[in-house]
Every structure is written in structure tokens, then in C-alpha cells.
Amino acid sequence: MVHWACPITVKVALNRVEGVSAVDVRYEERDATVTFDDAKTSVEALTQATTNAGYPSTLKQIQATQE
């Protein structure tokens, strides 16, 4: 059974953090991409927001592709 409240809860929690301008949550991948102003917030504040909402998270490093 899919619990669609999970991505909505995570998205709402992240959008409440000052400095966040966009949130894209993908349920199947258990993944979220957050666009934010690092002068107003931090990765720690974002992970704390999801933890406080009941969904602990960690930073996933993305490898840059070389051209």
C-alpha cells in the first residue's frame, strides 16, 4: 500500500524552511531535491525539518558529470 501523505508531509515541511524556493519529492526513489538560498538556511536545517515531520533524511551527494 502506498502512503501518499509521506511525500506531501515532507514537501510541506521543507517548504516551511526560510530560504527554500522549490521542492521536488519522488516517492518511489525516496528522494527529494530542494532548491534553497544558503544565506538563509542550511542542509542541517532542511534535514531537521524532515526529521521533525517524522521522516529523517540525509544529504545525498550527486556526482557531477565531466564533459
N, C-alpha and C. Protein backbone atom coordinates (compact mmCIF):
# COMPACT_ATOMS: atom_id res chain seq x y z
N MET A 1 0.85 -1.18 0.00
CA MET A 1 0.00 0.00 0.00
C MET A 1 0.89 1.24 0.00
N VAL A 2 0.60 2.17 -0.86
CA VAL A 2 1.37 3.41 -0.98
C VAL A 2 0.78 4.45 -0.03
N HIS A 3 1.65 5.09 0.73
CA HIS A 3 1.22 6.14 1.64
C HIS A 3 1.60 7.48 1.02
N TRP A 4 0.69 8.08 0.28
CA TRP A 4 0.99 9.32 -0.43
C TRP A 4 1.10 10.51 0.50
N ALA A 5 0.71 10.40 1.74
CA ALA A 5 0.86 11.51 2.68
C ALA A 5 2.33 11.78 2.97
N CYS A 6 3.17 10.76 2.84
CA CYS A 6 4.60 10.91 3.14
C CYS A 6 5.24 12.00 2.30
N PRO A 7 5.16 11.95 0.95
CA PRO A 7 5.81 12.99 0.17
C PRO A 7 5.18 14.36 0.39
N ILE A 8 3.89 14.40 0.63
CA ILE A 8 3.23 15.68 0.88
C ILE A 8 3.73 16.27 2.19
N THR A 9 3.83 15.45 3.22
CA THR A 9 4.33 15.89 4.52
C THR A 9 5.76 16.40 4.42
N VAL A 10 6.60 15.67 3.71
CA VAL A 10 8.00 16.08 3.53
C VAL A 10 8.07 17.40 2.77
N LYS A 11 7.30 17.51 1.69
CA LYS A 11 7.32 18.73 0.89
C LYS A 11 6.86 19.94 1.70
N VAL A 12 5.79 19.78 2.46
CA VAL A 12 5.29 20.88 3.30
C VAL A 12 6.35 21.28 4.33
N ALA A 13 6.97 20.30 4.98
CA ALA A 13 7.98 20.59 6.00
C ALA A 13 9.15 21.35 5.40
N LEU A 14 9.60 20.94 4.23
CA LEU A 14 10.73 21.61 3.59
C LEU A 14 10.36 23.01 3.10
N ASN A 15 9.17 23.17 2.57
CA ASN A 15 8.73 24.48 2.09
C ASN A 15 8.57 25.49 3.22
N ARG A 16 8.41 25.01 4.45
CA ARG A 16 8.27 25.92 5.60
C ARG A 16 9.61 26.50 6.04
N VAL A 17 10.70 25.93 5.57
CA VAL A 17 12.03 26.42 5.96
C VAL A 17 12.33 27.70 5.18
N GLU A 18 12.70 28.75 5.90
CA GLU A 18 13.01 30.02 5.26
C GLU A 18 14.15 29.83 4.26
N GLY A 19 14.00 30.39 3.07
CA GLY A 19 15.04 30.31 2.06
C GLY A 19 14.81 29.22 1.02
N VAL A 20 13.84 28.33 1.26
CA VAL A 20 13.55 27.27 0.29
C VAL A 20 12.68 27.86 -0.82
N SER A 21 13.10 27.63 -2.07
CA SER A 21 12.33 28.16 -3.20
C SER A 21 11.65 27.08 -4.01
N ALA A 22 12.12 25.83 -3.92
CA ALA A 22 11.49 24.74 -4.67
C ALA A 22 11.78 23.40 -4.00
N VAL A 23 10.80 22.50 -4.06
CA VAL A 23 10.96 21.15 -3.51
C VAL A 23 10.32 20.17 -4.49
N ASP A 24 11.06 19.14 -4.86
CA ASP A 24 10.55 18.07 -5.71
C ASP A 24 10.77 16.76 -4.97
N VAL A 25 9.68 16.11 -4.56
CA VAL A 25 9.77 14.85 -3.81
C VAL A 25 9.35 13.70 -4.72
N ARG A 26 10.16 12.67 -4.80
CA ARG A 26 9.87 11.47 -5.58
C ARG A 26 9.71 10.30 -4.62
N TYR A 27 8.47 9.83 -4.49
CA TYR A 27 8.15 8.80 -3.51
C TYR A 27 8.89 7.49 -3.76
N GLU A 28 8.82 6.99 -5.00
CA GLU A 28 9.43 5.68 -5.28
C GLU A 28 10.93 5.67 -5.03
N GLU A 29 11.58 6.79 -5.35
CA GLU A 29 13.04 6.88 -5.16
C GLU A 29 13.42 7.24 -3.73
N ARG A 30 12.41 7.60 -2.91
CA ARG A 30 12.67 8.08 -1.55
C ARG A 30 13.69 9.20 -1.58
N ASP A 31 13.39 10.21 -2.41
CA ASP A 31 14.36 11.22 -2.76
C ASP A 31 13.65 12.58 -2.87
N ALA A 32 14.34 13.63 -2.47
CA ALA A 32 13.81 14.98 -2.64
C ALA A 32 14.94 15.88 -3.12
N THR A 33 14.62 16.76 -4.04
CA THR A 33 15.55 17.78 -4.49
C THR A 33 15.03 19.12 -3.98
N VAL A 34 15.90 19.84 -3.27
CA VAL A 34 15.50 21.10 -2.66
C VAL A 34 16.38 22.22 -3.19
N THR A 35 15.74 23.27 -3.69
CA THR A 35 16.45 24.47 -4.11
C THR A 35 16.29 25.49 -2.99
N PHE A 36 17.43 26.01 -2.50
CA PHE A 36 17.35 26.93 -1.37
C PHE A 36 18.48 27.94 -1.40
N ASP A 37 18.28 29.02 -0.67
CA ASP A 37 19.27 30.08 -0.53
C ASP A 37 20.14 29.74 0.67
N ASP A 38 21.41 29.42 0.41
CA ASP A 38 22.28 29.00 1.52
C ASP A 38 22.68 30.16 2.43
N ALA A 39 22.28 31.37 2.10
CA ALA A 39 22.49 32.50 3.01
C ALA A 39 21.37 32.56 4.06
N LYS A 40 20.25 31.85 3.77
CA LYS A 40 19.10 31.89 4.68
C LYS A 40 18.89 30.58 5.44
N THR A 41 19.41 29.47 4.92
CA THR A 41 19.21 28.18 5.59
C THR A 41 20.39 27.27 5.28
N SER A 42 20.33 26.06 5.80
CA SER A 42 21.43 25.10 5.64
C SER A 42 20.88 23.70 5.43
N VAL A 43 21.75 22.81 4.99
CA VAL A 43 21.37 21.41 4.83
C VAL A 43 20.91 20.86 6.17
N GLU A 44 21.58 21.26 7.25
CA GLU A 44 21.21 20.79 8.58
C GLU A 44 19.78 21.20 8.94
N ALA A 45 19.40 22.42 8.60
CA ALA A 45 18.04 22.89 8.88
C ALA A 45 17.01 22.10 8.05
N LEU A 46 17.38 21.77 6.82
CA LEU A 46 16.47 21.00 5.96
C LEU A 46 16.29 19.58 6.48
N THR A 47 17.38 18.93 6.86
CA THR A 47 17.26 17.57 7.38
C THR A 47 16.53 17.57 8.72
N GLN A 48 16.71 18.61 9.52
CA GLN A 48 15.98 18.72 10.78
C GLN A 48 14.49 18.89 10.53
N ALA A 49 14.12 19.63 9.49
CA ALA A 49 12.71 19.83 9.17
C ALA A 49 12.04 18.51 8.80
N THR A 50 12.71 17.67 8.02
CA THR A 50 12.11 16.38 7.66
C THR A 50 12.06 15.45 8.86
N THR A 51 13.09 15.50 9.70
CA THR A 51 13.11 14.68 10.91
C THR A 51 11.96 15.08 11.84
N ASN A 52 11.77 16.38 12.01
CA ASN A 52 10.68 16.87 12.86
C ASN A 52 9.32 16.46 12.32
N ALA A 53 9.22 16.27 11.00
CA ALA A 53 7.97 15.84 10.38
C ALA A 53 7.78 14.33 10.44
N GLY A 54 8.78 13.63 10.98
CA GLY A 54 8.68 12.18 11.13
C GLY A 54 9.38 11.38 10.05
N TYR A 55 10.16 12.07 9.20
CA TYR A 55 10.86 11.41 8.10
C TYR A 55 12.32 11.84 8.09
N PRO A 56 13.16 11.19 8.89
CA PRO A 56 14.58 11.55 8.93
C PRO A 56 15.20 11.46 7.53
N SER A 57 16.12 12.37 7.25
CA SER A 57 16.76 12.39 5.94
C SER A 57 18.26 12.64 6.07
N THR A 58 18.96 12.39 4.98
CA THR A 58 20.39 12.67 4.91
C THR A 58 20.68 13.29 3.55
N LEU A 59 21.80 13.97 3.46
CA LEU A 59 22.23 14.57 2.21
C LEU A 59 22.76 13.50 1.28
N LYS A 60 22.32 13.55 0.05
CA LYS A 60 22.80 12.61 -0.98
C LYS A 60 23.67 13.40 -1.93
N GLN A 61 24.92 13.03 -2.03
CA GLN A 61 25.83 13.71 -2.94
C GLN A 61 25.56 13.28 -4.37
N ILE A 62 25.54 14.25 -5.26
CA ILE A 62 25.35 13.95 -6.69
C ILE A 62 26.68 14.16 -7.39
N GLN A 63 27.08 13.16 -8.16
CA GLN A 63 28.33 13.28 -8.90
C GLN A 63 28.13 14.16 -10.11
N ALA A 64 29.02 15.10 -10.30
CA ALA A 64 28.98 15.97 -11.48
C ALA A 64 29.54 15.18 -12.66
N THR A 65 28.93 15.38 -13.79
CA THR A 65 29.43 14.71 -15.00
C THR A 65 30.49 15.56 -15.64
N GLN A 66 31.52 14.93 -16.12
CA GLN A 66 32.59 15.65 -16.81
C GLN A 66 32.32 15.64 -18.30
N GLU A 67 32.61 16.76 -18.93
CA GLU A 67 32.40 16.85 -20.38
C GLU A 67 33.69 16.68 -21.11
